[in-house]
Amino acid sequence: MMNRRHFFSKSAMGIGSVLMASQIPMNLLASESSKALSKPLGFQVWTIKDQLIKDFPGTLKMMAKLGYQSVEMCSPPGYVSSGFGPLVSMKGSEMKKIVEDAGLVLESTHYGMGELRKNLSERINFAHESGQKQMIASSLGLPKDAKMSDWQKAADELNEIGAKTKKAGIQMGFHNHHMEFEKLDGVYIYDKLLEHFDPKLVKMQFQVAVISIGIKAATYFEKYPGRFISAHLADWSPNTNKQVPVGQGIVDWKELFAAAKKCGVKNYFVEMDPETFKDSASYIRQL
């Protein structure tokens, strides 16, 4: 969980203030999706978790008013140490209803490797109850000094977990951070993971934020067709050395969405600081 905290800086503007400033119509419909995107536009809750935990239904409704149509959660039991404890008692069916009442859909959630190892059956049941179609391992939980053999062993373990979720009708996925684009033995860890994961059992969720270290999502979508199920959207400005709203940085979004469509990507989730959500949604819808 610390990896995610490292990649997203503290917001200068709360999500409530963003929504107050929004000029997006209140009745924005799913039918108005971007032609370039061709899928519902979603968001990941991590960067707005404090607001979400204080007012779960209200925050979801506000995000829907910004133009988002789907949400990717973090598993409350697996993210207790990150502040999700107040949501642990919520049943899957209750979460599903609150999400749908807000005008959103919930098909994907992040899970920690610890809970996937120890409580997989319970998490699968929760996924079914809440309507999830994808369970994403947020990381493999390895230390910084892990060897390539450690990464391969962890990939084998996630393959085994993926076999169980697949049997239950749910696709397992893996979410990268910047660390997987470090080289061990002259090879990117990420490339080795792609070789090691069973394509049917573990799909990939690409973190577009790695553009900040020169890694393009479109390159991987084109090189590995059929391997990616979703993407976390983020943009980057080399001039300010900071994340910026989608469309204001160096990512070629038309290229990315075209490659993602051919690759079979099913879900897109913006994951940046709260003040970027409004402009990101506006830009994507205009493509």
Protein backbone atom coordinates (compact mmCIF):
# COMPACT_ATOMS: atom_id res chain seq x y z
CA MET A 1 0.00 0.00 0.00
CA MET A 2 2.97 2.34 0.62
CA ASN A 3 3.79 2.18 -3.09
CA ARG A 4 0.54 3.94 -3.95
CA ARG A 5 1.13 6.57 -1.29
CA HIS A 6 4.54 7.27 -2.83
CA PHE A 7 3.19 7.96 -6.31
CA PHE A 8 0.38 10.35 -5.39
CA SER A 9 1.13 13.61 -3.66
CA LYS A 10 -1.20 15.28 -1.18
CA SER A 11 -3.95 17.27 -2.87
CA ALA A 12 -3.99 21.01 -2.70
CA MET A 13 -7.73 21.04 -3.37
CA GLY A 14 -10.34 18.73 -1.87
CA ILE A 15 -12.72 16.81 -4.10
CA GLY A 16 -15.64 18.81 -2.75
CA SER A 17 -14.05 22.05 -3.96
CA VAL A 18 -13.44 20.50 -7.36
CA LEU A 19 -17.09 19.64 -7.68
CA MET A 20 -18.19 23.09 -6.54
CA ALA A 21 -16.16 24.53 -9.41
CA SER A 22 -17.37 22.01 -11.96
CA GLN A 23 -19.37 23.22 -14.94
CA ILE A 24 -20.21 19.72 -16.18
CA PRO A 25 -23.98 19.18 -16.50
CA MET A 26 -25.62 17.33 -13.62
CA ASN A 27 -27.41 14.93 -15.95
CA LEU A 28 -24.35 13.69 -17.87
CA LEU A 29 -25.29 10.31 -19.31
CA ALA A 30 -23.32 7.16 -20.03
CA SER A 31 -24.28 7.49 -23.70
CA GLU A 32 -22.03 10.56 -23.88
CA SER A 33 -18.87 8.48 -23.56
CA SER A 34 -15.86 9.50 -25.60
CA LYS A 35 -15.64 7.86 -29.02
CA ALA A 36 -11.90 7.44 -28.49
CA LEU A 37 -12.48 5.67 -25.19
CA SER A 38 -15.40 3.48 -26.34
CA LYS A 39 -15.80 2.22 -22.75
CA PRO A 40 -17.26 3.75 -19.57
CA LEU A 41 -14.88 6.19 -17.92
CA GLY A 42 -14.04 5.23 -14.35
CA PHE A 43 -11.96 6.39 -11.40
CA GLN A 44 -9.93 4.68 -8.69
CA VAL A 45 -10.89 5.65 -5.14
CA TRP A 46 -7.36 5.69 -3.66
CA THR A 47 -6.67 9.41 -4.09
CA ILE A 48 -10.06 10.43 -2.65
CA LYS A 49 -10.21 7.78 0.07
CA ASP A 50 -10.52 10.23 2.96
CA GLN A 51 -13.56 11.91 1.41
CA LEU A 52 -15.00 8.55 0.36
CA ILE A 53 -14.79 7.07 3.84
CA LYS A 54 -16.46 10.11 5.40
CA ASP A 55 -19.36 10.02 2.94
CA PHE A 56 -19.39 6.92 0.77
CA PRO A 57 -22.66 7.48 -1.17
CA GLY A 58 -22.22 11.25 -1.39
CA THR A 59 -18.69 11.05 -2.79
CA LEU A 60 -19.73 8.50 -5.41
CA LYS A 61 -22.62 10.71 -6.51
CA MET A 62 -20.32 13.71 -6.80
CA MET A 63 -17.91 11.74 -8.97
CA ALA A 64 -20.79 10.66 -11.20
CA LYS A 65 -21.70 14.32 -11.64
CA LEU A 66 -18.17 14.97 -12.88
CA GLY A 67 -18.83 12.52 -15.70
CA TYR A 68 -17.51 9.23 -14.31
CA GLN A 69 -19.49 6.07 -14.91
CA SER A 70 -17.59 3.36 -13.07
CA VAL A 71 -15.57 3.04 -9.89
CA GLU A 72 -12.69 0.82 -8.87
CA MET A 73 -12.60 0.16 -5.13
CA CYS A 74 -9.87 -0.87 -2.71
CA SER A 75 -10.79 -3.92 -0.64
CA PRO A 76 -11.74 -2.53 2.81
CA PRO A 77 -10.35 -5.48 4.81
CA GLY A 78 -7.09 -5.44 2.87
CA TYR A 79 -6.71 -1.67 3.18
CA VAL A 80 -7.62 -1.22 6.84
CA SER A 81 -4.17 0.21 7.59
CA SER A 82 -4.73 2.79 4.84
CA GLY A 83 -7.96 4.08 6.39
CA PHE A 84 -10.63 1.85 4.86
CA GLY A 85 -11.57 0.30 8.21
CA PRO A 86 -14.97 2.07 8.46
CA LEU A 87 -16.13 0.25 5.32
CA VAL A 88 -15.20 -3.26 6.49
CA SER A 89 -18.66 -3.97 7.91
CA MET A 90 -20.36 -3.10 4.62
CA LYS A 91 -21.77 -6.15 2.85
CA GLY A 92 -21.05 -6.69 -0.83
CA SER A 93 -24.71 -6.38 -1.76
CA GLU A 94 -24.93 -3.11 0.20
CA MET A 95 -21.89 -1.70 -1.57
CA LYS A 96 -23.32 -2.70 -4.95
CA LYS A 97 -26.59 -0.91 -4.24
CA ILE A 98 -24.91 2.28 -3.05
CA VAL A 99 -22.65 2.32 -6.13
CA GLU A 100 -25.54 1.72 -8.52
CA ASP A 101 -27.76 4.28 -6.76
CA ALA A 102 -24.99 6.80 -7.49
CA GLY A 103 -25.25 5.95 -11.20
CA LEU A 104 -22.00 3.97 -11.31
CA VAL A 105 -20.95 0.38 -11.82
CA LEU A 106 -18.40 -1.59 -9.78
CA GLU A 107 -16.56 -4.24 -11.79
CA SER A 108 -13.03 -4.03 -10.37
CA THR A 109 -11.38 -3.81 -6.94
CA HIS A 110 -7.80 -3.77 -5.68
CA TYR A 111 -6.67 -6.43 -3.22
CA GLY A 112 -3.45 -6.96 -1.29
CA MET A 113 -1.50 -10.19 -1.68
CA GLY A 114 -1.90 -10.92 2.02
CA GLU A 115 -5.67 -11.11 1.87
CA LEU A 116 -5.58 -13.05 -1.40
CA ARG A 117 -3.36 -15.63 0.27
CA LYS A 118 -5.27 -15.91 3.53
CA ASN A 119 -8.89 -15.02 2.75
CA LEU A 120 -9.40 -15.75 -0.93
CA SER A 121 -12.76 -17.57 -0.62
CA GLU A 122 -14.22 -14.75 1.45
CA ARG A 123 -12.94 -12.13 -0.99
CA ILE A 124 -14.36 -14.03 -3.96
CA ASN A 125 -17.74 -14.17 -2.24
CA PHE A 126 -17.59 -10.42 -1.59
CA ALA A 127 -16.66 -9.81 -5.22
CA HIS A 128 -19.67 -11.80 -6.39
CA GLU A 129 -22.04 -10.01 -4.03
CA SER A 130 -20.83 -6.59 -5.10
CA GLY A 131 -20.89 -7.38 -8.83
CA GLN A 132 -17.16 -7.41 -9.48
CA LYS A 133 -15.82 -9.09 -12.60
CA GLN A 134 -12.15 -8.38 -11.92
CA MET A 135 -10.00 -8.77 -8.80
CA ILE A 136 -6.73 -6.85 -9.15
CA ALA A 137 -3.64 -7.60 -7.09
CA SER A 138 -2.37 -4.12 -6.26
CA SER A 139 1.21 -5.39 -5.93
CA LEU A 140 3.11 -8.60 -5.24
CA GLY A 141 4.28 -7.22 -1.92
CA LEU A 142 7.98 -7.81 -2.48
CA PRO A 143 10.82 -5.84 -0.85
CA LYS A 144 13.03 -3.47 -2.82
CA ASP A 145 15.93 -5.92 -2.78
CA ALA A 146 13.89 -8.81 -4.20
CA LYS A 147 15.64 -10.89 -6.84
CA MET A 148 14.14 -11.88 -10.17
CA SER A 149 13.57 -15.37 -8.79
CA ASP A 150 11.44 -13.81 -6.03
CA TRP A 151 9.32 -12.01 -8.61
CA GLN A 152 8.88 -15.21 -10.59
CA LYS A 153 7.87 -17.14 -7.49
CA ALA A 154 5.30 -14.48 -6.61
CA ALA A 155 3.99 -14.57 -10.19
CA ASP A 156 3.53 -18.34 -9.89
CA GLU A 157 1.56 -17.78 -6.71
CA LEU A 158 -0.70 -15.23 -8.39
CA ASN A 159 -1.25 -17.68 -11.25
CA GLU A 160 -2.55 -20.19 -8.69
CA ILE A 161 -4.81 -17.56 -7.17
CA GLY A 162 -5.97 -16.59 -10.65
CA ALA A 163 -6.91 -20.19 -11.39
CA LYS A 164 -9.24 -20.14 -8.38
CA THR A 165 -10.85 -16.81 -9.25
CA LYS A 166 -11.30 -17.92 -12.86
CA LYS A 167 -13.10 -21.04 -11.66
CA ALA A 168 -15.39 -18.70 -9.73
CA GLY A 169 -16.01 -16.61 -12.86
CA ILE A 170 -13.77 -13.67 -11.91
CA GLN A 171 -10.68 -12.50 -13.77
CA MET A 172 -7.52 -11.92 -11.73
CA GLY A 173 -5.33 -8.98 -12.69
CA PHE A 174 -2.04 -7.36 -11.69
CA HIS A 175 -1.38 -3.66 -11.22
CA ASN A 176 2.11 -2.28 -11.72
CA HIS A 177 3.96 0.59 -10.12
CA HIS A 178 7.20 2.23 -11.17
CA MET A 179 9.30 -0.43 -9.45
CA GLU A 180 8.41 -3.10 -12.02
CA PHE A 181 10.23 -1.01 -14.61
CA GLU A 182 13.55 -1.41 -12.89
CA LYS A 183 15.95 -3.85 -14.49
CA LEU A 184 17.25 -7.05 -12.94
CA ASP A 185 19.71 -9.18 -14.89
CA GLY A 186 19.39 -6.66 -17.73
CA VAL A 187 15.61 -7.17 -18.11
CA TYR A 188 12.65 -5.11 -16.93
CA ILE A 189 10.91 -6.89 -14.07
CA TYR A 190 7.61 -6.11 -15.82
CA ASP A 191 8.61 -7.87 -19.02
CA LYS A 192 9.67 -10.93 -17.05
CA LEU A 193 6.33 -10.93 -15.23
CA LEU A 194 4.51 -10.86 -18.56
CA GLU A 195 6.46 -13.95 -19.54
CA HIS A 196 5.68 -15.67 -16.26
CA PHE A 197 1.98 -14.89 -15.80
CA ASP A 198 -0.44 -17.28 -17.46
CA PRO A 199 -2.28 -15.07 -20.02
CA LYS A 200 -5.59 -16.72 -19.22
CA LEU A 201 -5.27 -16.56 -15.45
CA VAL A 202 -3.68 -13.15 -14.83
CA LYS A 203 -4.38 -10.10 -16.97
CA MET A 204 -2.52 -6.82 -16.57
CA GLN A 205 -3.73 -3.43 -15.37
CA PHE A 206 -1.34 -0.84 -16.77
CA GLN A 207 -0.41 2.22 -14.72
CA VAL A 208 -0.04 4.96 -17.32
CA ALA A 209 1.75 7.14 -14.74
CA VAL A 210 5.01 5.38 -15.64
CA ILE A 211 5.17 7.82 -18.54
CA SER A 212 7.12 9.91 -16.01
CA ILE A 213 10.04 7.49 -16.42
CA GLY A 214 9.64 7.18 -20.19
CA ILE A 215 7.44 4.06 -20.38
CA LYS A 216 4.52 4.31 -22.82
CA ALA A 217 1.37 2.32 -22.25
CA ALA A 218 0.63 2.16 -25.99
CA THR A 219 3.95 0.40 -26.58
CA TYR A 220 2.95 -2.43 -24.26
CA PHE A 221 -0.62 -2.61 -25.53
CA GLU A 222 0.70 -3.05 -29.07
CA LYS A 223 3.43 -5.53 -28.09
CA TYR A 224 1.23 -7.75 -25.92
CA PRO A 225 -2.28 -7.92 -27.46
CA GLY A 226 -4.88 -9.58 -25.27
CA ARG A 227 -2.80 -9.32 -22.10
CA PHE A 228 -4.31 -6.14 -20.64
CA ILE A 229 -7.72 -5.86 -19.02
CA SER A 230 -7.65 -2.31 -17.66
CA ALA A 231 -5.59 0.84 -17.24
CA HIS A 232 -5.06 3.57 -14.67
CA LEU A 233 -5.01 6.91 -16.46
CA ALA A 234 -2.59 9.68 -15.54
CA ASP A 235 -0.66 12.35 -17.38
CA TRP A 236 2.68 14.01 -16.75
CA SER A 237 4.35 17.34 -17.45
CA PRO A 238 8.17 17.25 -17.77
CA ASN A 239 8.17 21.05 -17.50
CA THR A 240 6.75 21.06 -13.98
CA ASN A 241 7.84 17.50 -13.12
CA LYS A 242 4.31 16.85 -11.84
CA GLN A 243 1.16 15.00 -12.73
CA VAL A 244 -1.34 17.07 -14.70
CA PRO A 245 -4.91 16.44 -15.87
CA VAL A 246 -5.34 14.03 -18.76
CA GLY A 247 -4.63 15.88 -21.98
CA GLN A 248 -2.31 18.48 -20.46
CA GLY A 249 0.83 16.35 -20.40
CA ILE A 250 2.96 14.25 -22.71
CA VAL A 251 0.75 11.18 -23.14
CA ASP A 252 -0.60 10.74 -26.69
CA TRP A 253 -4.14 9.80 -25.68
CA LYS A 254 -5.51 9.07 -29.13
CA GLU A 255 -2.63 6.65 -29.69
CA LEU A 256 -3.14 5.10 -26.25
CA PHE A 257 -6.89 4.53 -26.62
CA ALA A 258 -6.50 3.17 -30.15
CA ALA A 259 -3.88 0.68 -28.99
CA ALA A 260 -5.89 -0.21 -25.88
CA LYS A 261 -8.99 -0.91 -27.94
CA LYS A 262 -7.08 -3.32 -30.20
CA CYS A 263 -5.47 -4.92 -27.14
CA GLY A 264 -8.83 -5.65 -25.50
CA VAL A 265 -8.72 -3.27 -22.53
CA LYS A 266 -12.11 -3.31 -20.80
CA ASN A 267 -11.85 -0.71 -18.04
CA TYR A 268 -10.27 2.72 -17.63
CA PHE A 269 -9.81 4.41 -14.27
CA VAL A 270 -8.41 7.90 -13.74
CA GLU A 271 -6.11 7.82 -10.71
CA MET A 272 -4.56 11.16 -9.89
CA ASP A 273 -4.92 13.96 -7.38
CA PRO A 274 -8.55 15.11 -6.90
CA GLU A 275 -8.10 18.47 -8.60
CA THR A 276 -7.38 16.69 -11.91
CA PHE A 277 -10.61 14.68 -12.07
CA LYS A 278 -12.86 17.37 -13.59
CA ASP A 279 -10.53 18.43 -16.41
CA SER A 280 -9.51 14.83 -17.13
CA ALA A 281 -13.12 13.75 -17.66
CA SER A 282 -13.82 16.81 -19.83
CA TYR A 283 -10.81 16.14 -22.07
CA ILE A 284 -11.51 12.46 -22.55
CA ARG A 285 -15.12 13.13 -23.51
CA GLN A 286 -14.01 15.57 -26.18
CA LEU A 287 -11.69 13.11 -27.94
